[in-house]
Amino acid sequence: MYKYILPLFFLGFLNIQIDEKPVAAKSIHYTYFSETSELEIKRSIQVEHQVRGNDVYLECIIPNFTFKQSGGQKKDGEGHLNVLIDGKRTENISTAAFIIKGLSRGEHTLKIQVTHNDLTNYPLEHTIQVRVH
């Protein structure tokens, strides 16, 4: 991979002569490829929630992301959610909107982690505090 990047990198520093007139190096375009995709860098999570009785209704908005059931090969932009209630992991969630049912009265901490198909975590998580009356 590097044998293609390095020559393109050095072209950016050269001045090219065409008909004896110098052409600025700005006219040369090259692309740099990294192991982290541009989509992963720009990805974020927004969580909306509402408490109704002992249930919490949640909607997770993650741009450039497709929800899939856990398992399979790691593919950027695909995955599911892990939800922890008061530090205890629950089932994997493969939809953007879901309901946590039957919470006991009192304060609860909900932590939502975005996870790849292969169960490794994205650098995305969101924690909210809810109060069930």
N, C-alpha and C. Protein backbone atom coordinates (compact mmCIF):
# COMPACT_ATOMS: atom_id res chain seq x y z
N MET A 1 0.82 -1.19 0.00
CA MET A 1 0.00 0.00 0.00
C MET A 1 0.86 1.25 0.00
N TYR A 2 1.93 1.28 0.76
CA TYR A 2 2.76 2.48 0.87
C TYR A 2 3.50 2.80 -0.42
N LYS A 3 3.75 1.80 -1.26
CA LYS A 3 4.48 2.09 -2.50
C LYS A 3 3.68 3.02 -3.41
N TYR A 4 2.34 3.08 -3.22
CA TYR A 4 1.52 3.98 -4.02
C TYR A 4 1.33 5.33 -3.35
N ILE A 5 1.35 5.36 -2.05
CA ILE A 5 1.12 6.63 -1.35
C ILE A 5 2.34 7.53 -1.40
N LEU A 6 3.51 6.97 -1.16
CA LEU A 6 4.71 7.80 -1.09
C LEU A 6 5.00 8.54 -2.39
N PRO A 7 4.96 7.89 -3.56
CA PRO A 7 5.21 8.68 -4.78
C PRO A 7 4.20 9.81 -4.95
N LEU A 8 2.94 9.58 -4.65
CA LEU A 8 1.94 10.63 -4.77
C LEU A 8 2.20 11.76 -3.77
N PHE A 9 2.66 11.40 -2.60
CA PHE A 9 2.97 12.40 -1.57
C PHE A 9 4.07 13.32 -2.03
N PHE A 10 5.13 12.76 -2.60
CA PHE A 10 6.26 13.59 -3.02
C PHE A 10 5.94 14.44 -4.25
N LEU A 11 4.97 14.01 -5.07
CA LEU A 11 4.58 14.83 -6.22
C LEU A 11 4.03 16.18 -5.78
N GLY A 12 3.45 16.23 -4.62
CA GLY A 12 2.88 17.48 -4.12
C GLY A 12 3.93 18.54 -3.87
N PHE A 13 5.19 18.18 -3.74
CA PHE A 13 6.26 19.14 -3.47
C PHE A 13 7.04 19.55 -4.72
N LEU A 14 6.73 18.95 -5.85
CA LEU A 14 7.48 19.24 -7.07
C LEU A 14 6.87 20.42 -7.82
N ASN A 15 7.70 21.15 -8.51
CA ASN A 15 7.23 22.13 -9.48
C ASN A 15 7.40 21.50 -10.85
N ILE A 16 6.35 21.55 -11.66
CA ILE A 16 6.39 20.92 -12.99
C ILE A 16 6.57 22.01 -14.03
N GLN A 17 7.42 21.75 -15.03
CA GLN A 17 7.64 22.70 -16.11
C GLN A 17 6.84 22.26 -17.34
N ILE A 18 5.99 23.15 -17.86
CA ILE A 18 5.26 22.90 -19.10
C ILE A 18 5.52 24.11 -19.99
N ASP A 19 6.13 23.86 -21.17
CA ASP A 19 6.49 24.93 -22.10
C ASP A 19 7.30 26.00 -21.38
N GLU A 20 8.21 25.60 -20.53
CA GLU A 20 9.10 26.50 -19.82
C GLU A 20 8.39 27.40 -18.81
N LYS A 21 7.10 27.14 -18.55
CA LYS A 21 6.38 27.95 -17.57
C LYS A 21 6.13 27.08 -16.34
N PRO A 22 6.52 27.56 -15.17
CA PRO A 22 6.28 26.76 -13.98
C PRO A 22 4.79 26.66 -13.65
N VAL A 23 4.37 25.49 -13.22
CA VAL A 23 3.00 25.26 -12.80
C VAL A 23 3.04 24.97 -11.31
N ALA A 24 2.23 25.63 -10.56
CA ALA A 24 2.24 25.47 -9.10
C ALA A 24 1.85 24.05 -8.71
N ALA A 25 2.45 23.57 -7.66
CA ALA A 25 2.17 22.23 -7.17
C ALA A 25 0.74 22.09 -6.66
N LYS A 26 0.05 23.20 -6.43
CA LYS A 26 -1.33 23.15 -5.96
C LYS A 26 -2.24 22.44 -6.95
N SER A 27 -1.87 22.40 -8.23
CA SER A 27 -2.73 21.78 -9.23
C SER A 27 -2.66 20.26 -9.20
N ILE A 28 -1.78 19.68 -8.41
CA ILE A 28 -1.66 18.23 -8.30
C ILE A 28 -2.49 17.78 -7.11
N HIS A 29 -3.38 16.83 -7.35
CA HIS A 29 -4.24 16.31 -6.29
C HIS A 29 -3.85 14.88 -5.98
N TYR A 30 -3.84 14.55 -4.70
CA TYR A 30 -3.58 13.17 -4.31
C TYR A 30 -4.49 12.85 -3.13
N THR A 31 -4.72 11.57 -2.95
CA THR A 31 -5.60 11.11 -1.89
C THR A 31 -4.80 10.32 -0.89
N TYR A 32 -5.03 10.59 0.38
CA TYR A 32 -4.37 9.84 1.44
C TYR A 32 -5.39 8.88 2.04
N PHE A 33 -5.04 7.62 2.10
CA PHE A 33 -5.92 6.60 2.67
C PHE A 33 -5.42 6.25 4.06
N SER A 34 -6.34 6.24 5.02
CA SER A 34 -5.97 5.83 6.37
C SER A 34 -6.81 4.62 6.77
N GLU A 35 -6.46 4.00 7.88
CA GLU A 35 -7.21 2.84 8.33
C GLU A 35 -8.56 3.22 8.92
N THR A 36 -8.75 4.46 9.34
CA THR A 36 -10.02 4.93 9.86
C THR A 36 -10.75 5.63 8.73
N SER A 37 -11.94 5.16 8.41
CA SER A 37 -12.67 5.74 7.29
C SER A 37 -13.17 7.13 7.65
N GLU A 38 -13.43 7.92 6.63
CA GLU A 38 -13.95 9.27 6.84
C GLU A 38 -15.31 9.22 7.51
N LEU A 39 -16.14 8.21 7.16
CA LEU A 39 -17.46 8.10 7.77
C LEU A 39 -17.36 7.83 9.27
N GLU A 40 -16.41 6.98 9.67
CA GLU A 40 -16.27 6.68 11.09
C GLU A 40 -15.85 7.92 11.87
N ILE A 41 -15.03 8.75 11.28
CA ILE A 41 -14.59 9.97 11.94
C ILE A 41 -15.77 10.91 12.15
N LYS A 42 -16.68 10.98 11.20
CA LYS A 42 -17.79 11.92 11.26
C LYS A 42 -19.01 11.35 11.99
N ARG A 43 -19.00 10.08 12.38
CA ARG A 43 -20.15 9.45 13.00
C ARG A 43 -20.36 9.96 14.42
N SER A 44 -21.63 10.13 14.80
CA SER A 44 -21.98 10.58 16.15
C SER A 44 -23.26 9.87 16.56
N ILE A 45 -23.62 9.98 17.83
CA ILE A 45 -24.86 9.38 18.31
C ILE A 45 -25.68 10.43 19.06
N GLN A 46 -26.97 10.43 18.78
CA GLN A 46 -27.91 11.29 19.48
C GLN A 46 -29.01 10.38 20.01
N VAL A 47 -29.35 10.50 21.28
CA VAL A 47 -30.35 9.64 21.89
C VAL A 47 -31.51 10.48 22.43
N GLU A 48 -32.71 10.15 22.00
CA GLU A 48 -33.93 10.76 22.51
C GLU A 48 -34.61 9.71 23.38
N HIS A 49 -35.14 10.13 24.53
CA HIS A 49 -35.82 9.16 25.39
C HIS A 49 -37.03 9.79 26.07
N GLN A 50 -37.95 8.91 26.48
CA GLN A 50 -39.14 9.34 27.19
C GLN A 50 -39.53 8.23 28.16
N VAL A 51 -39.79 8.59 29.41
CA VAL A 51 -40.21 7.63 30.43
C VAL A 51 -41.73 7.63 30.48
N ARG A 52 -42.33 6.44 30.37
CA ARG A 52 -43.79 6.28 30.48
C ARG A 52 -44.04 5.13 31.46
N GLY A 53 -44.46 5.45 32.64
CA GLY A 53 -44.67 4.42 33.66
C GLY A 53 -43.33 3.78 34.02
N ASN A 54 -43.25 2.46 33.89
CA ASN A 54 -42.01 1.73 34.19
C ASN A 54 -41.20 1.45 32.93
N ASP A 55 -41.57 2.04 31.81
CA ASP A 55 -40.91 1.79 30.53
C ASP A 55 -40.18 3.04 30.05
N VAL A 56 -39.05 2.82 29.34
CA VAL A 56 -38.31 3.93 28.74
C VAL A 56 -38.27 3.69 27.23
N TYR A 57 -38.79 4.66 26.48
CA TYR A 57 -38.79 4.60 25.02
C TYR A 57 -37.56 5.37 24.53
N LEU A 58 -36.77 4.71 23.70
CA LEU A 58 -35.53 5.32 23.22
C LEU A 58 -35.47 5.31 21.70
N GLU A 59 -34.84 6.34 21.15
CA GLU A 59 -34.53 6.40 19.72
C GLU A 59 -33.09 6.89 19.59
N CYS A 60 -32.29 6.12 18.87
CA CYS A 60 -30.87 6.45 18.66
C CYS A 60 -30.66 6.86 17.22
N ILE A 61 -30.14 8.05 17.03
CA ILE A 61 -29.88 8.58 15.69
C ILE A 61 -28.38 8.57 15.48
N ILE A 62 -27.94 7.75 14.49
CA ILE A 62 -26.51 7.62 14.20
C ILE A 62 -26.35 7.78 12.69
N PRO A 63 -25.89 8.94 12.23
CA PRO A 63 -25.70 9.14 10.79
C PRO A 63 -24.69 8.15 10.21
N ASN A 64 -24.87 7.78 8.97
CA ASN A 64 -23.96 6.89 8.25
C ASN A 64 -23.82 5.53 8.94
N PHE A 65 -24.93 4.98 9.44
CA PHE A 65 -24.88 3.73 10.19
C PHE A 65 -26.09 2.88 9.83
N THR A 66 -25.87 1.56 9.68
CA THR A 66 -26.94 0.60 9.41
C THR A 66 -26.99 -0.40 10.56
N PHE A 67 -28.17 -0.58 11.13
CA PHE A 67 -28.34 -1.52 12.23
C PHE A 67 -28.42 -2.95 11.69
N LYS A 68 -27.64 -3.84 12.29
CA LYS A 68 -27.61 -5.26 11.93
C LYS A 68 -27.60 -6.07 13.21
N GLN A 69 -28.05 -7.31 13.13
CA GLN A 69 -27.93 -8.20 14.28
C GLN A 69 -26.47 -8.53 14.50
N SER A 70 -26.12 -8.86 15.75
CA SER A 70 -24.72 -9.13 16.06
C SER A 70 -24.25 -10.39 15.35
N GLY A 71 -22.95 -10.42 15.09
CA GLY A 71 -22.35 -11.55 14.39
C GLY A 71 -21.94 -11.16 12.99
N GLY A 72 -20.99 -11.87 12.45
CA GLY A 72 -20.51 -11.60 11.11
C GLY A 72 -19.22 -10.81 11.12
N GLN A 73 -18.78 -10.46 9.92
CA GLN A 73 -17.53 -9.74 9.78
C GLN A 73 -17.71 -8.26 10.12
N LYS A 74 -16.63 -7.68 10.60
CA LYS A 74 -16.61 -6.25 10.92
C LYS A 74 -16.68 -5.46 9.63
N LYS A 75 -17.66 -4.57 9.54
CA LYS A 75 -17.81 -3.69 8.38
C LYS A 75 -18.15 -2.30 8.90
N ASP A 76 -17.32 -1.33 8.56
CA ASP A 76 -17.54 0.03 9.04
C ASP A 76 -18.91 0.51 8.61
N GLY A 77 -19.63 1.11 9.55
CA GLY A 77 -20.95 1.65 9.25
C GLY A 77 -22.07 0.67 9.54
N GLU A 78 -21.76 -0.52 10.03
CA GLU A 78 -22.76 -1.51 10.39
C GLU A 78 -22.56 -1.94 11.83
N GLY A 79 -23.63 -2.38 12.46
CA GLY A 79 -23.50 -2.91 13.81
C GLY A 79 -24.80 -2.85 14.57
N HIS A 80 -24.68 -2.86 15.88
CA HIS A 80 -25.83 -2.88 16.78
C HIS A 80 -25.50 -2.11 18.05
N LEU A 81 -26.41 -2.12 19.00
CA LEU A 81 -26.22 -1.41 20.25
C LEU A 81 -26.13 -2.39 21.42
N ASN A 82 -25.27 -2.10 22.36
CA ASN A 82 -25.27 -2.76 23.66
C ASN A 82 -25.87 -1.77 24.63
N VAL A 83 -26.81 -2.23 25.45
CA VAL A 83 -27.43 -1.35 26.44
C VAL A 83 -27.11 -1.90 27.82
N LEU A 84 -26.57 -1.03 28.67
CA LEU A 84 -26.28 -1.39 30.06
C LEU A 84 -27.23 -0.59 30.94
N ILE A 85 -27.92 -1.30 31.83
CA ILE A 85 -28.82 -0.67 32.79
C ILE A 85 -28.18 -0.79 34.15
N ASP A 86 -27.84 0.33 34.73
CA ASP A 86 -27.16 0.37 36.03
C ASP A 86 -25.91 -0.53 36.04
N GLY A 87 -25.17 -0.51 34.93
CA GLY A 87 -23.92 -1.24 34.82
C GLY A 87 -24.06 -2.69 34.39
N LYS A 88 -25.29 -3.19 34.26
CA LYS A 88 -25.51 -4.58 33.85
C LYS A 88 -25.94 -4.63 32.39
N ARG A 89 -25.25 -5.47 31.64
CA ARG A 89 -25.50 -5.56 30.20
C ARG A 89 -26.82 -6.30 29.95
N THR A 90 -27.59 -5.77 28.98
CA THR A 90 -28.83 -6.43 28.55
C THR A 90 -28.59 -7.02 27.17
N GLU A 91 -29.63 -7.33 26.47
CA GLU A 91 -29.50 -7.92 25.14
C GLU A 91 -28.97 -6.92 24.12
N ASN A 92 -28.49 -7.43 22.97
CA ASN A 92 -28.07 -6.57 21.88
C ASN A 92 -29.30 -6.02 21.18
N ILE A 93 -29.25 -4.77 20.78
CA ILE A 93 -30.36 -4.10 20.12
C ILE A 93 -29.97 -3.84 18.67
N SER A 94 -30.80 -4.27 17.73
CA SER A 94 -30.46 -4.11 16.31
C SER A 94 -31.43 -3.18 15.59
N THR A 95 -32.07 -2.28 16.34
CA THR A 95 -32.96 -1.28 15.75
C THR A 95 -32.65 0.08 16.36
N ALA A 96 -33.02 1.13 15.65
CA ALA A 96 -32.75 2.48 16.13
C ALA A 96 -33.69 2.88 17.26
N ALA A 97 -34.92 2.36 17.26
CA ALA A 97 -35.90 2.67 18.29
C ALA A 97 -36.25 1.40 19.06
N PHE A 98 -36.32 1.51 20.37
CA PHE A 98 -36.63 0.34 21.19
C PHE A 98 -37.17 0.79 22.54
N ILE A 99 -37.70 -0.17 23.32
CA ILE A 99 -38.29 0.10 24.62
C ILE A 99 -37.60 -0.76 25.67
N ILE A 100 -37.23 -0.15 26.77
CA ILE A 100 -36.76 -0.90 27.94
C ILE A 100 -37.96 -0.97 28.88
N LYS A 101 -38.46 -2.19 29.11
CA LYS A 101 -39.69 -2.37 29.87
C LYS A 101 -39.42 -2.81 31.29
N GLY A 102 -40.31 -2.40 32.19
CA GLY A 102 -40.36 -2.91 33.54
C GLY A 102 -39.26 -2.47 34.48
N LEU A 103 -38.78 -1.25 34.34
CA LEU A 103 -37.77 -0.76 35.29
C LEU A 103 -38.41 -0.52 36.65
N SER A 104 -37.65 -0.76 37.69
CA SER A 104 -38.15 -0.51 39.04
C SER A 104 -38.15 1.00 39.32
N ARG A 105 -38.88 1.40 40.34
CA ARG A 105 -38.93 2.81 40.72
C ARG A 105 -37.55 3.30 41.12
N GLY A 106 -37.30 4.58 40.85
CA GLY A 106 -36.04 5.18 41.26
C GLY A 106 -35.20 5.65 40.09
N GLU A 107 -33.96 6.02 40.40
CA GLU A 107 -33.00 6.52 39.40
C GLU A 107 -32.30 5.33 38.73
N HIS A 108 -32.10 5.46 37.42
CA HIS A 108 -31.39 4.43 36.66
C HIS A 108 -30.43 5.10 35.69
N THR A 109 -29.28 4.46 35.46
CA THR A 109 -28.30 4.91 34.47
C THR A 109 -28.38 3.98 33.27
N LEU A 110 -28.63 4.54 32.11
CA LEU A 110 -28.66 3.77 30.86
C LEU A 110 -27.46 4.16 30.03
N LYS A 111 -26.64 3.19 29.68
CA LYS A 111 -25.48 3.45 28.84
C LYS A 111 -25.67 2.70 27.53
N ILE A 112 -25.57 3.41 26.43
CA ILE A 112 -25.75 2.84 25.10
C ILE A 112 -24.40 2.86 24.39
N GLN A 113 -23.94 1.68 23.99
CA GLN A 113 -22.66 1.54 23.28
C GLN A 113 -22.94 1.09 21.85
N VAL A 114 -22.29 1.71 20.88
CA VAL A 114 -22.41 1.31 19.48
C VAL A 114 -21.32 0.28 19.20
N THR A 115 -21.73 -0.86 18.62
CA THR A 115 -20.84 -2.00 18.47
C THR A 115 -20.80 -2.49 17.04
N HIS A 116 -19.62 -2.90 16.59
CA HIS A 116 -19.44 -3.51 15.26
C HIS A 116 -20.11 -4.89 15.23
N ASN A 117 -20.26 -5.45 14.03
CA ASN A 117 -20.82 -6.80 13.86
C ASN A 117 -20.01 -7.84 14.64
N ASP A 118 -18.70 -7.66 14.72
CA ASP A 118 -17.83 -8.65 15.37
C ASP A 118 -17.71 -8.41 16.89
N LEU A 119 -18.60 -7.59 17.44
CA LEU A 119 -18.70 -7.31 18.88
C LEU A 119 -17.63 -6.37 19.43
N THR A 120 -16.79 -5.79 18.58
CA THR A 120 -15.87 -4.75 19.04
C THR A 120 -16.63 -3.42 19.05
N ASN A 121 -16.23 -2.51 19.92
CA ASN A 121 -16.95 -1.25 20.09
C ASN A 121 -16.46 -0.17 19.15
N TYR A 122 -17.40 0.63 18.65
CA TYR A 122 -17.07 1.90 18.01
C TYR A 122 -16.70 2.86 19.14
N PRO A 123 -16.03 3.95 18.82
CA PRO A 123 -15.75 4.94 19.87
C PRO A 123 -16.96 5.85 20.12
N LEU A 124 -18.15 5.23 20.20
CA LEU A 124 -19.40 5.96 20.38
C LEU A 124 -20.19 5.35 21.53
N GLU A 125 -20.58 6.17 22.46
CA GLU A 125 -21.48 5.73 23.52
C GLU A 125 -22.21 6.95 24.07
N HIS A 126 -23.32 6.68 24.72
CA HIS A 126 -24.13 7.76 25.27
C HIS A 126 -24.72 7.27 26.59
N THR A 127 -24.65 8.08 27.64
CA THR A 127 -25.18 7.71 28.94
C THR A 127 -26.26 8.71 29.33
N ILE A 128 -27.39 8.18 29.82
CA ILE A 128 -28.47 9.05 30.29
C ILE A 128 -28.94 8.57 31.67
N GLN A 129 -29.48 9.49 32.41
CA GLN A 129 -30.09 9.21 33.71
C GLN A 129 -31.60 9.31 33.55
N VAL A 130 -32.33 8.30 34.05
CA VAL A 130 -33.79 8.35 34.01
C VAL A 130 -34.33 8.13 35.41
N ARG A 131 -35.51 8.65 35.65
CA ARG A 131 -36.18 8.47 36.94
C ARG A 131 -37.56 7.87 36.67
N VAL A 132 -37.78 6.69 37.25
CA VAL A 132 -39.07 6.01 37.13
C VAL A 132 -39.86 6.29 38.39
N HIS A 133 -41.11 6.78 38.25
CA HIS A 133 -41.95 7.13 39.40
C HIS A 133 -42.86 6.00 39.79
